[in-house]
Amino acid sequence: MNSITHIPAPIASPELETLLSRIRPEISNILQRALAGAELSETEGTTLFKVHGEEYRALLHTADRVRQQRCGDQATFVVTRNINFTNVCYMGCRFCNFAKTREDAQAEFLDFDQIADRAEEAWNRGATEVCVQGGLHPDIDKDYYRNLLIAIKRRVPDIHIHAFSPFEIWYGSKKARMTPEAFLQDLKDHGLGSMPGTAAEILDTEVRKQLTKNKLTTEDWVRIVKAAHSVGVRTTSTIMYGHVDGPEHWSAHLRLLRDIQRETGGFTEFVPLGFIHYETALFNDNPDHVRPGPTREEHFKMHAVARLMLQGYIDNIQASWVKMGPDVAAQMLQAGANDLGGTLMNESISTAAGGKHGQEVMPEDMVAQAHAAGMQAIQRTTLYQAHHIYPNADLPAAMKVTSPASRIAVVGGAA
């Protein structure tokens, strides 16, 4: 885990100094503490999530300065392929439209050769990683997850396997009648490189009851993530926001992730994931009580507040083009984010929920977005080692992403 004491505090720009002098002292003090590297409280995080106008502009500026200090002017991405090996699942998560029953005409359950074929194709197209997740199919046995890893590694021994959500680990360890620690150690021994920290949604019991009937509890999610870290399997961390949640839930979630990282140091990054409502039962059955995803302003606030609350603990903040679109994701690079995620090649889960942003972007698109934001583009590995550094490009001013201050009118509207 990085120590915030090792990096000098960023100096506020003249524009930010002017903003800090004009806004409420309460907000100015919080932002100045963040600039000084102080650890913000959960209450302070909630306060920042509620700002508007010039205070919102100051928040984005502050997050951009802290990002620059923590990560430099570098925007990273990974060349990866998503492999969703089955869409059969009986967990009944109400925010998900991906799951099918076994009898459904659209049900899919790839065999190991098909999974290995997709991994090999990804490797031949330049991927360094495959991200493997699936539904909790009733036919999965105690050895399934291990054998899936063996099949990929036999075909493509050098590819990094980023696989299995905490919900899948919970399911697989119960099938195998093993502790999460023992189950994860076995998977690591057979090729598991890292884990997505998905299935987090909002780490709040009352919210989870509405989303998933609390089938994977907050305590179970935390236990499994800590188990992964304890055996040397690093994970991402995530949040899904914009449904039945609010600022208090968001800041509590960030504080919990920070506490886990303080203890384990096992998170590689934080990935905010906005709720996509279009085809979900959660929204369509309760349109008067469930929000249709976050607003554009809330997307920017989430990345900015995460940057400030997590600084020195989780310093890689990812902008998900799948959820927001590539152009908005690129704008996040000047509001706290430093990573553009993966090229994906296939994306099924957000698409099934009604996502509108496609299933793949090309590496050259990632590079162009980074350069448009005035940053150096770096293709990274899963664990944030540089794989290829792209030279900076001189772009016409019309192609460059605007600064957070001038963007206030653009990002303030509804999604």
Protein backbone atom coordinates (compact mmCIF):
# COMPACT_ATOMS: atom_id res chain seq x y z
CA MET A 1 0.00 0.00 0.00
CA ASN A 2 1.31 3.45 -0.87
CA SER A 3 1.89 5.83 2.01
CA ILE A 4 0.48 9.31 1.57
CA THR A 5 3.39 10.74 3.57
CA HIS A 6 5.84 9.83 0.82
CA ILE A 7 4.36 12.24 -1.74
CA PRO A 8 4.35 16.03 -1.26
CA ALA A 9 0.93 17.62 -1.10
CA PRO A 10 -0.24 19.03 -4.46
CA ILE A 11 -0.24 22.78 -4.80
CA ALA A 12 -3.57 24.36 -5.72
CA SER A 13 -3.61 26.11 -9.09
CA PRO A 14 -4.47 29.83 -9.18
CA GLU A 15 -7.90 28.94 -10.57
CA LEU A 16 -8.51 26.47 -7.74
CA GLU A 17 -7.25 28.97 -5.16
CA THR A 18 -9.81 31.46 -6.45
CA LEU A 19 -12.60 28.88 -6.26
CA LEU A 20 -11.61 27.84 -2.73
CA SER A 21 -11.81 31.46 -1.63
CA ARG A 22 -15.35 31.88 -2.99
CA ILE A 23 -17.11 28.77 -1.71
CA ARG A 24 -18.41 27.96 1.76
CA PRO A 25 -15.58 27.65 4.33
CA GLU A 26 -16.82 24.17 5.30
CA ILE A 27 -16.30 22.85 1.76
CA SER A 28 -13.09 24.81 1.21
CA ASN A 29 -11.60 23.35 4.39
CA ILE A 30 -12.42 19.78 3.36
CA LEU A 31 -10.87 20.27 -0.08
CA GLN A 32 -7.78 21.93 1.35
CA ARG A 33 -7.36 19.03 3.77
CA ALA A 34 -7.58 16.65 0.80
CA LEU A 35 -4.95 18.68 -1.05
CA ALA A 36 -2.72 18.33 2.02
CA GLY A 37 -3.10 14.54 1.91
CA ALA A 38 -5.40 14.27 4.94
CA GLU A 39 -7.69 11.27 5.33
CA LEU A 40 -11.27 12.44 4.82
CA SER A 41 -14.00 11.11 7.08
CA GLU A 42 -17.15 9.38 5.96
CA THR A 43 -19.13 12.50 6.92
CA GLU A 44 -16.83 14.71 4.86
CA GLY A 45 -17.27 12.37 1.89
CA THR A 46 -21.05 12.63 2.18
CA THR A 47 -20.78 16.42 2.30
CA LEU A 48 -18.72 16.47 -0.91
CA PHE A 49 -21.23 14.25 -2.71
CA LYS A 50 -23.89 16.93 -2.10
CA VAL A 51 -22.07 19.97 -3.52
CA HIS A 52 -23.20 21.90 -6.59
CA GLY A 53 -22.16 24.89 -8.69
CA GLU A 54 -18.79 26.43 -7.83
CA GLU A 55 -18.30 23.92 -5.01
CA TYR A 56 -18.74 21.09 -7.50
CA ARG A 57 -16.25 22.77 -9.83
CA ALA A 58 -13.78 23.08 -6.94
CA LEU A 59 -14.26 19.39 -6.11
CA LEU A 60 -13.36 18.36 -9.66
CA HIS A 61 -10.34 20.66 -9.70
CA THR A 62 -9.12 19.28 -6.38
CA ALA A 63 -9.55 15.67 -7.53
CA ASP A 64 -7.63 16.47 -10.70
CA ARG A 65 -4.74 17.98 -8.72
CA VAL A 66 -4.59 15.01 -6.35
CA ARG A 67 -4.73 12.59 -9.31
CA GLN A 68 -1.85 14.40 -10.94
CA GLN A 69 0.20 14.18 -7.75
CA ARG A 70 -0.58 10.54 -7.03
CA CYS A 71 -0.40 9.15 -10.58
CA GLY A 72 1.20 11.77 -12.80
CA ASP A 73 -0.18 12.72 -16.20
CA GLN A 74 -0.52 9.11 -17.32
CA ALA A 75 -3.70 7.33 -18.40
CA THR A 76 -3.59 3.55 -18.39
CA PHE A 77 -5.63 0.78 -20.00
CA VAL A 78 -5.40 -2.99 -20.39
CA VAL A 79 -6.02 -5.11 -23.49
CA THR A 80 -8.37 -7.81 -22.29
CA ARG A 81 -11.26 -10.01 -23.28
CA ASN A 82 -14.35 -10.70 -21.21
CA ILE A 83 -15.40 -14.35 -21.22
CA ASN A 84 -18.83 -14.84 -19.64
CA PHE A 85 -18.93 -18.63 -19.70
CA THR A 86 -22.56 -19.03 -18.65
CA ASN A 87 -25.58 -16.77 -18.31
CA VAL A 88 -27.52 -19.39 -16.35
CA CYS A 89 -28.04 -18.21 -12.77
CA TYR A 90 -30.75 -18.63 -10.16
CA MET A 91 -29.65 -16.00 -7.63
CA GLY A 92 -32.36 -13.57 -8.74
CA CYS A 93 -30.42 -10.30 -8.48
CA ARG A 94 -33.04 -7.73 -9.45
CA PHE A 95 -30.60 -5.27 -11.05
CA CYS A 96 -29.38 -7.93 -13.52
CA ASN A 97 -30.92 -8.86 -16.87
CA PHE A 98 -28.03 -11.16 -17.78
CA ALA A 99 -29.28 -14.28 -15.96
CA LYS A 100 -31.30 -17.02 -17.70
CA THR A 101 -32.76 -20.33 -16.59
CA ARG A 102 -31.38 -23.58 -17.99
CA GLU A 103 -34.50 -23.97 -20.11
CA ASP A 104 -34.32 -20.53 -21.69
CA ALA A 105 -33.69 -20.50 -25.45
CA GLN A 106 -30.90 -17.97 -24.85
CA ALA A 107 -29.20 -20.01 -22.12
CA GLU A 108 -25.49 -20.50 -22.70
CA PHE A 109 -22.87 -22.65 -20.96
CA LEU A 110 -19.54 -22.74 -22.79
CA ASP A 111 -17.43 -25.87 -22.56
CA PHE A 112 -13.76 -25.67 -21.61
CA ASP A 113 -12.55 -25.88 -25.20
CA GLN A 114 -14.77 -22.95 -26.19
CA ILE A 115 -13.46 -20.92 -23.26
CA ALA A 116 -9.85 -21.78 -24.17
CA ASP A 117 -10.57 -20.90 -27.82
CA ARG A 118 -11.69 -17.42 -26.77
CA ALA A 119 -8.65 -16.96 -24.55
CA GLU A 120 -6.32 -18.04 -27.34
CA GLU A 121 -8.02 -15.71 -29.81
CA ALA A 122 -7.63 -12.85 -27.32
CA TRP A 123 -3.92 -13.62 -26.87
CA ASN A 124 -3.41 -13.67 -30.63
CA ARG A 125 -5.06 -10.23 -30.83
CA GLY A 126 -2.65 -8.78 -28.28
CA ALA A 127 -4.53 -9.28 -25.02
CA THR A 128 -2.48 -9.77 -21.87
CA GLU A 129 -5.55 -10.71 -19.80
CA VAL A 130 -8.84 -12.55 -19.91
CA CYS A 131 -11.56 -11.57 -17.46
CA VAL A 132 -13.64 -14.68 -16.76
CA GLN A 133 -16.98 -14.54 -14.92
CA GLY A 134 -20.30 -16.31 -15.18
CA GLY A 135 -23.62 -17.03 -13.54
CA LEU A 136 -23.99 -19.47 -10.67
CA HIS A 137 -25.06 -22.43 -12.80
CA PRO A 138 -26.50 -25.39 -10.81
CA ASP A 139 -24.37 -27.84 -12.85
CA ILE A 140 -21.10 -26.32 -11.66
CA ASP A 141 -19.35 -28.94 -9.52
CA LYS A 142 -16.61 -28.69 -6.91
CA ASP A 143 -13.82 -28.89 -9.51
CA TYR A 144 -15.33 -26.65 -12.19
CA TYR A 145 -13.48 -23.42 -11.47
CA ARG A 146 -10.14 -25.21 -11.13
CA ASN A 147 -10.65 -27.11 -14.38
CA LEU A 148 -11.60 -23.93 -16.22
CA LEU A 149 -8.27 -22.37 -15.19
CA ILE A 150 -6.36 -25.49 -16.24
CA ALA A 151 -8.02 -25.43 -19.67
CA ILE A 152 -7.00 -21.82 -20.31
CA LYS A 153 -3.46 -22.23 -19.01
CA ARG A 154 -2.92 -25.38 -21.04
CA ARG A 155 -3.80 -23.46 -24.20
CA VAL A 156 -2.37 -20.01 -23.36
CA PRO A 157 0.13 -20.44 -20.52
CA ASP A 158 1.31 -16.82 -20.36
CA ILE A 159 -2.03 -15.03 -20.27
CA HIS A 160 -3.13 -13.47 -16.99
CA ILE A 161 -6.43 -14.89 -15.75
CA HIS A 162 -8.52 -12.29 -13.91
CA ALA A 163 -11.48 -14.36 -12.83
CA PHE A 164 -14.40 -15.16 -10.56
CA SER A 165 -16.33 -12.62 -8.53
CA PRO A 166 -16.61 -12.97 -4.74
CA PHE A 167 -20.10 -14.41 -5.35
CA GLU A 168 -18.58 -17.15 -7.53
CA ILE A 169 -15.92 -17.86 -4.91
CA TRP A 170 -18.63 -18.07 -2.24
CA TYR A 171 -20.54 -20.52 -4.46
CA GLY A 172 -17.51 -22.59 -5.48
CA SER A 173 -16.12 -22.90 -1.97
CA LYS A 174 -19.48 -24.18 -0.74
CA LYS A 175 -19.61 -26.71 -3.59
CA ALA A 176 -16.08 -27.86 -2.72
CA ARG A 177 -16.75 -27.79 1.04
CA MET A 178 -13.61 -25.73 1.54
CA THR A 179 -12.91 -22.49 3.33
CA PRO A 180 -12.61 -19.49 0.99
CA GLU A 181 -8.91 -19.32 1.83
CA ALA A 182 -8.25 -22.96 0.90
CA PHE A 183 -10.42 -22.73 -2.20
CA LEU A 184 -8.66 -19.59 -3.41
CA GLN A 185 -5.21 -21.03 -2.72
CA ASP A 186 -6.11 -24.04 -4.89
CA LEU A 187 -7.31 -21.74 -7.68
CA LYS A 188 -4.13 -19.67 -7.41
CA ASP A 189 -2.06 -22.85 -7.68
CA HIS A 190 -3.87 -23.67 -10.93
CA GLY A 191 -3.50 -20.30 -12.64
CA LEU A 192 -5.75 -17.68 -11.04
CA GLY A 193 -3.86 -14.39 -11.32
CA SER A 194 -6.30 -11.92 -9.76
CA MET A 195 -10.00 -11.42 -9.04
CA PRO A 196 -12.59 -8.82 -10.02
CA GLY A 197 -14.06 -7.26 -6.90
CA THR A 198 -17.53 -7.25 -8.39
CA ALA A 199 -20.76 -8.30 -6.61
CA ALA A 200 -20.05 -5.48 -4.15
CA GLU A 201 -22.97 -3.33 -5.41
CA ILE A 202 -23.44 -1.21 -2.25
CA LEU A 203 -21.91 -2.68 0.90
CA ASP A 204 -24.95 -1.87 3.02
CA THR A 205 -27.34 -4.52 4.35
CA GLU A 206 -30.60 -2.64 3.73
CA VAL A 207 -29.65 -1.74 0.17
CA ARG A 208 -28.46 -5.28 -0.56
CA LYS A 209 -31.79 -6.69 0.60
CA GLN A 210 -33.49 -4.69 -2.15
CA LEU A 211 -30.93 -5.59 -4.81
CA THR A 212 -30.17 -9.26 -4.12
CA LYS A 213 -32.24 -10.24 -1.08
CA ASN A 214 -28.85 -10.10 0.68
CA LYS A 215 -27.82 -13.49 -0.72
CA LEU A 216 -24.18 -12.48 -0.62
CA THR A 217 -24.00 -10.38 2.52
CA THR A 218 -21.63 -7.50 3.08
CA GLU A 219 -19.84 -9.67 5.62
CA ASP A 220 -19.44 -12.51 3.09
CA TRP A 221 -18.12 -10.14 0.42
CA VAL A 222 -15.57 -8.68 2.82
CA ARG A 223 -14.58 -12.13 4.10
CA ILE A 224 -13.93 -13.46 0.58
CA VAL A 225 -12.01 -10.39 -0.58
CA LYS A 226 -9.83 -10.55 2.54
CA ALA A 227 -9.33 -14.28 1.96
CA ALA A 228 -8.12 -13.56 -1.58
CA HIS A 229 -5.69 -10.93 -0.34
CA SER A 230 -4.45 -13.28 2.39
CA VAL A 231 -3.32 -15.90 -0.16
CA GLY A 232 -1.75 -13.33 -2.47
CA VAL A 233 -4.60 -12.95 -4.97
CA ARG A 234 -5.13 -9.24 -5.59
CA THR A 235 -8.56 -7.90 -6.46
CA THR A 236 -10.24 -4.84 -7.84
CA SER A 237 -12.87 -3.01 -5.81
CA THR A 238 -16.16 -1.70 -7.17
CA ILE A 239 -19.39 0.10 -6.40
CA MET A 240 -22.70 0.06 -8.31
CA TYR A 241 -24.57 3.32 -7.73
CA GLY A 242 -27.64 5.19 -8.91
CA HIS A 243 -30.59 2.96 -7.88
CA VAL A 244 -31.93 2.87 -4.29
CA ASP A 245 -28.79 4.35 -2.77
CA GLY A 246 -27.50 7.82 -1.91
CA PRO A 247 -24.51 9.87 -0.73
CA GLU A 248 -24.44 8.37 2.76
CA HIS A 249 -24.21 4.86 1.29
CA TRP A 250 -21.49 5.91 -1.16
CA SER A 251 -19.20 7.46 1.43
CA ALA A 252 -19.71 4.52 3.83
CA HIS A 253 -18.82 2.13 1.00
CA LEU A 254 -15.63 4.07 0.22
CA ARG A 255 -14.67 4.17 3.89
CA LEU A 256 -15.12 0.38 4.18
CA LEU A 257 -12.94 -0.23 1.11
CA ARG A 258 -10.29 2.06 2.59
CA ASP A 259 -10.41 0.14 5.87
CA ILE A 260 -9.94 -3.17 4.05
CA GLN A 261 -7.03 -1.74 2.06
CA ARG A 262 -5.45 -0.40 5.24
CA GLU A 263 -5.52 -3.96 6.58
CA THR A 264 -4.61 -6.01 3.49
CA GLY A 265 -3.17 -3.77 0.76
CA GLY A 266 -4.71 -6.14 -1.77
CA PHE A 267 -6.86 -3.85 -3.95
CA THR A 268 -5.36 -2.83 -7.30
CA GLU A 269 -7.96 -0.22 -8.22
CA PHE A 270 -11.43 1.18 -7.60
CA VAL A 271 -14.03 0.92 -10.36
CA PRO A 272 -17.26 2.94 -10.06
CA LEU A 273 -20.07 1.26 -12.03
CA GLY A 274 -23.21 3.26 -12.69
CA PHE A 275 -26.49 1.34 -12.58
CA ILE A 276 -27.93 0.63 -16.06
CA HIS A 277 -31.68 0.44 -15.59
CA TYR A 278 -33.31 -0.11 -18.99
CA GLU A 279 -34.01 -3.85 -18.95
CA THR A 280 -33.86 -4.58 -15.22
CA ALA A 281 -36.68 -5.80 -12.99
CA LEU A 282 -35.39 -3.57 -10.19
CA PHE A 283 -36.32 -0.45 -12.16
CA ASN A 284 -39.17 -1.67 -14.34
CA ASP A 285 -41.11 -3.13 -11.39
CA ASN A 286 -40.54 -0.06 -9.20
CA PRO A 287 -40.10 3.01 -11.44
CA ASP A 288 -41.42 5.34 -8.74
CA HIS A 289 -38.91 4.16 -6.14
CA VAL A 290 -35.79 3.21 -8.11
CA ARG A 291 -33.66 5.78 -9.89
CA PRO A 292 -32.76 5.30 -13.59
CA GLY A 293 -29.04 5.30 -12.92
CA PRO A 294 -26.79 8.16 -11.79
CA THR A 295 -26.80 11.62 -13.32
CA ARG A 296 -23.77 12.84 -15.23
CA GLU A 297 -22.88 15.04 -12.27
CA GLU A 298 -23.03 12.03 -9.94
CA HIS A 299 -20.66 10.10 -12.22
CA PHE A 300 -18.13 12.90 -11.90
CA LYS A 301 -18.67 13.25 -8.16
CA MET A 302 -18.15 9.53 -7.61
CA HIS A 303 -14.76 9.51 -9.33
CA ALA A 304 -13.69 12.76 -7.68
CA VAL A 305 -14.73 11.91 -4.13
CA ALA A 306 -13.24 8.42 -4.49
CA ARG A 307 -9.94 10.00 -5.51
CA LEU A 308 -9.95 12.15 -2.39
CA MET A 309 -11.19 9.55 0.11
CA LEU A 310 -9.00 6.73 -1.20
CA GLN A 311 -5.79 8.65 -1.89
CA GLY A 312 -2.73 6.85 -0.57
CA TYR A 313 -4.70 3.63 -0.23
CA ILE A 314 -6.26 2.88 -3.63
CA ASP A 315 -4.62 5.24 -6.08
CA ASN A 316 -5.92 3.77 -9.34
CA ILE A 317 -9.41 5.07 -10.11
CA GLN A 318 -10.95 3.57 -13.24
CA ALA A 319 -13.50 5.19 -15.55
CA SER A 320 -15.80 2.57 -17.10
CA TRP A 321 -16.50 3.38 -20.76
CA VAL A 322 -19.02 0.51 -20.79
CA LYS A 323 -21.20 2.34 -18.29
CA MET A 324 -20.65 5.97 -19.34
CA GLY A 325 -19.41 5.87 -22.93
CA PRO A 326 -15.83 6.46 -24.09
CA ASP A 327 -16.13 10.25 -24.35
CA VAL A 328 -17.42 10.72 -20.80
CA ALA A 329 -14.87 8.20 -19.49
CA ALA A 330 -12.11 10.30 -21.09
CA GLN A 331 -13.45 13.41 -19.34
CA MET A 332 -13.11 11.56 -16.02
CA LEU A 333 -9.34 11.69 -16.55
CA GLN A 334 -9.57 15.35 -15.50
CA ALA A 335 -11.89 14.69 -12.57
CA GLY A 336 -9.91 12.13 -10.55
CA ALA A 337 -9.63 9.03 -12.74
CA ASN A 338 -6.33 7.77 -14.15
CA ASP A 339 -7.38 4.50 -15.84
CA LEU A 340 -9.68 3.74 -18.77
CA GLY A 341 -10.21 0.06 -18.01
CA GLY A 342 -10.12 -2.70 -20.60
CA THR A 343 -10.74 -3.03 -24.31
CA LEU A 344 -12.98 -6.05 -23.43
CA MET A 345 -13.57 -7.57 -26.94
CA ASN A 346 -16.85 -8.97 -25.57
CA GLU A 347 -19.15 -7.48 -22.94
CA SER A 348 -22.42 -9.20 -22.08
CA ILE A 349 -23.62 -8.08 -18.66
CA SER A 350 -24.10 -4.33 -19.21
CA THR A 351 -25.33 -5.02 -22.73
CA ALA A 352 -28.04 -7.35 -21.37
CA ALA A 353 -29.17 -4.61 -18.98
CA GLY A 354 -29.61 -2.23 -21.91
CA GLY A 355 -26.16 -0.64 -22.08
CA LYS A 356 -25.73 1.54 -25.16
CA HIS A 357 -21.96 1.81 -25.50
CA GLY A 358 -21.03 -1.39 -27.34
CA GLN A 359 -18.84 -4.32 -26.41
CA GLU A 360 -15.34 -3.31 -27.50
CA VAL A 361 -13.05 -0.38 -28.02
CA MET A 362 -9.70 -0.70 -29.75
CA PRO A 363 -6.32 0.09 -28.14
CA GLU A 364 -5.85 2.99 -30.53
CA ASP A 365 -9.16 4.44 -29.27
CA MET A 366 -7.85 4.29 -25.69
CA VAL A 367 -4.63 6.00 -26.76
CA ALA A 368 -6.54 8.75 -28.56
CA GLN A 369 -8.75 9.37 -25.52
CA ALA A 370 -5.72 9.64 -23.22
CA HIS A 371 -3.92 12.00 -25.57
CA ALA A 372 -7.07 14.11 -25.99
CA ALA A 373 -7.06 14.58 -22.20
CA GLY A 374 -3.47 15.80 -22.42
CA MET A 375 -2.07 12.65 -20.81
CA GLN A 376 0.44 10.00 -21.78
CA ALA A 377 -1.17 6.69 -22.77
CA ILE A 378 0.20 3.50 -21.24
CA GLN A 379 -0.99 -0.01 -21.95
CA ARG A 380 -0.68 -1.76 -18.60
CA THR A 381 -0.85 -5.26 -17.24
CA THR A 382 -3.60 -6.35 -14.86
CA LEU A 383 -1.38 -5.50 -11.88
CA TYR A 384 -0.46 -2.06 -13.22
CA GLN A 385 2.95 -2.69 -14.70
CA ALA A 386 3.70 -0.78 -17.91
CA HIS A 387 3.37 -3.04 -20.97
CA HIS A 388 3.72 -0.42 -23.71
CA ILE A 389 4.18 3.35 -23.50
CA TYR A 390 2.78 5.40 -26.35
CA PRO A 391 4.51 8.66 -27.32
CA ASN A 392 2.50 11.78 -26.66
CA ALA A 393 0.68 13.22 -29.63
CA ASP A 394 0.18 16.88 -30.46
CA LEU A 395 -3.55 17.23 -30.97
CA PRO A 396 -5.47 20.21 -32.35
CA ALA A 397 -7.11 22.19 -29.56
CA ALA A 398 -10.57 21.23 -30.85
CA MET A 399 -9.84 17.54 -30.11
CA LYS A 400 -8.71 18.04 -26.54
CA VAL A 401 -10.89 17.30 -23.52
CA THR A 402 -11.88 20.48 -21.72
CA SER A 403 -10.86 21.19 -18.14
CA PRO A 404 -13.17 20.45 -15.19
CA ALA A 405 -13.87 24.17 -14.68
CA SER A 406 -15.08 24.78 -18.22
CA ARG A 407 -16.95 21.48 -18.23
CA ILE A 408 -19.35 22.41 -15.43
CA ALA A 409 -22.23 23.19 -17.79
CA VAL A 410 -21.68 19.96 -19.68
CA VAL A 411 -21.61 17.54 -16.75
CA GLY A 412 -24.30 19.11 -14.62
CA GLY A 413 -27.30 17.71 -16.50
CA ALA A 414 -29.19 14.46 -16.08
CA ALA A 415 -27.95 11.23 -17.60
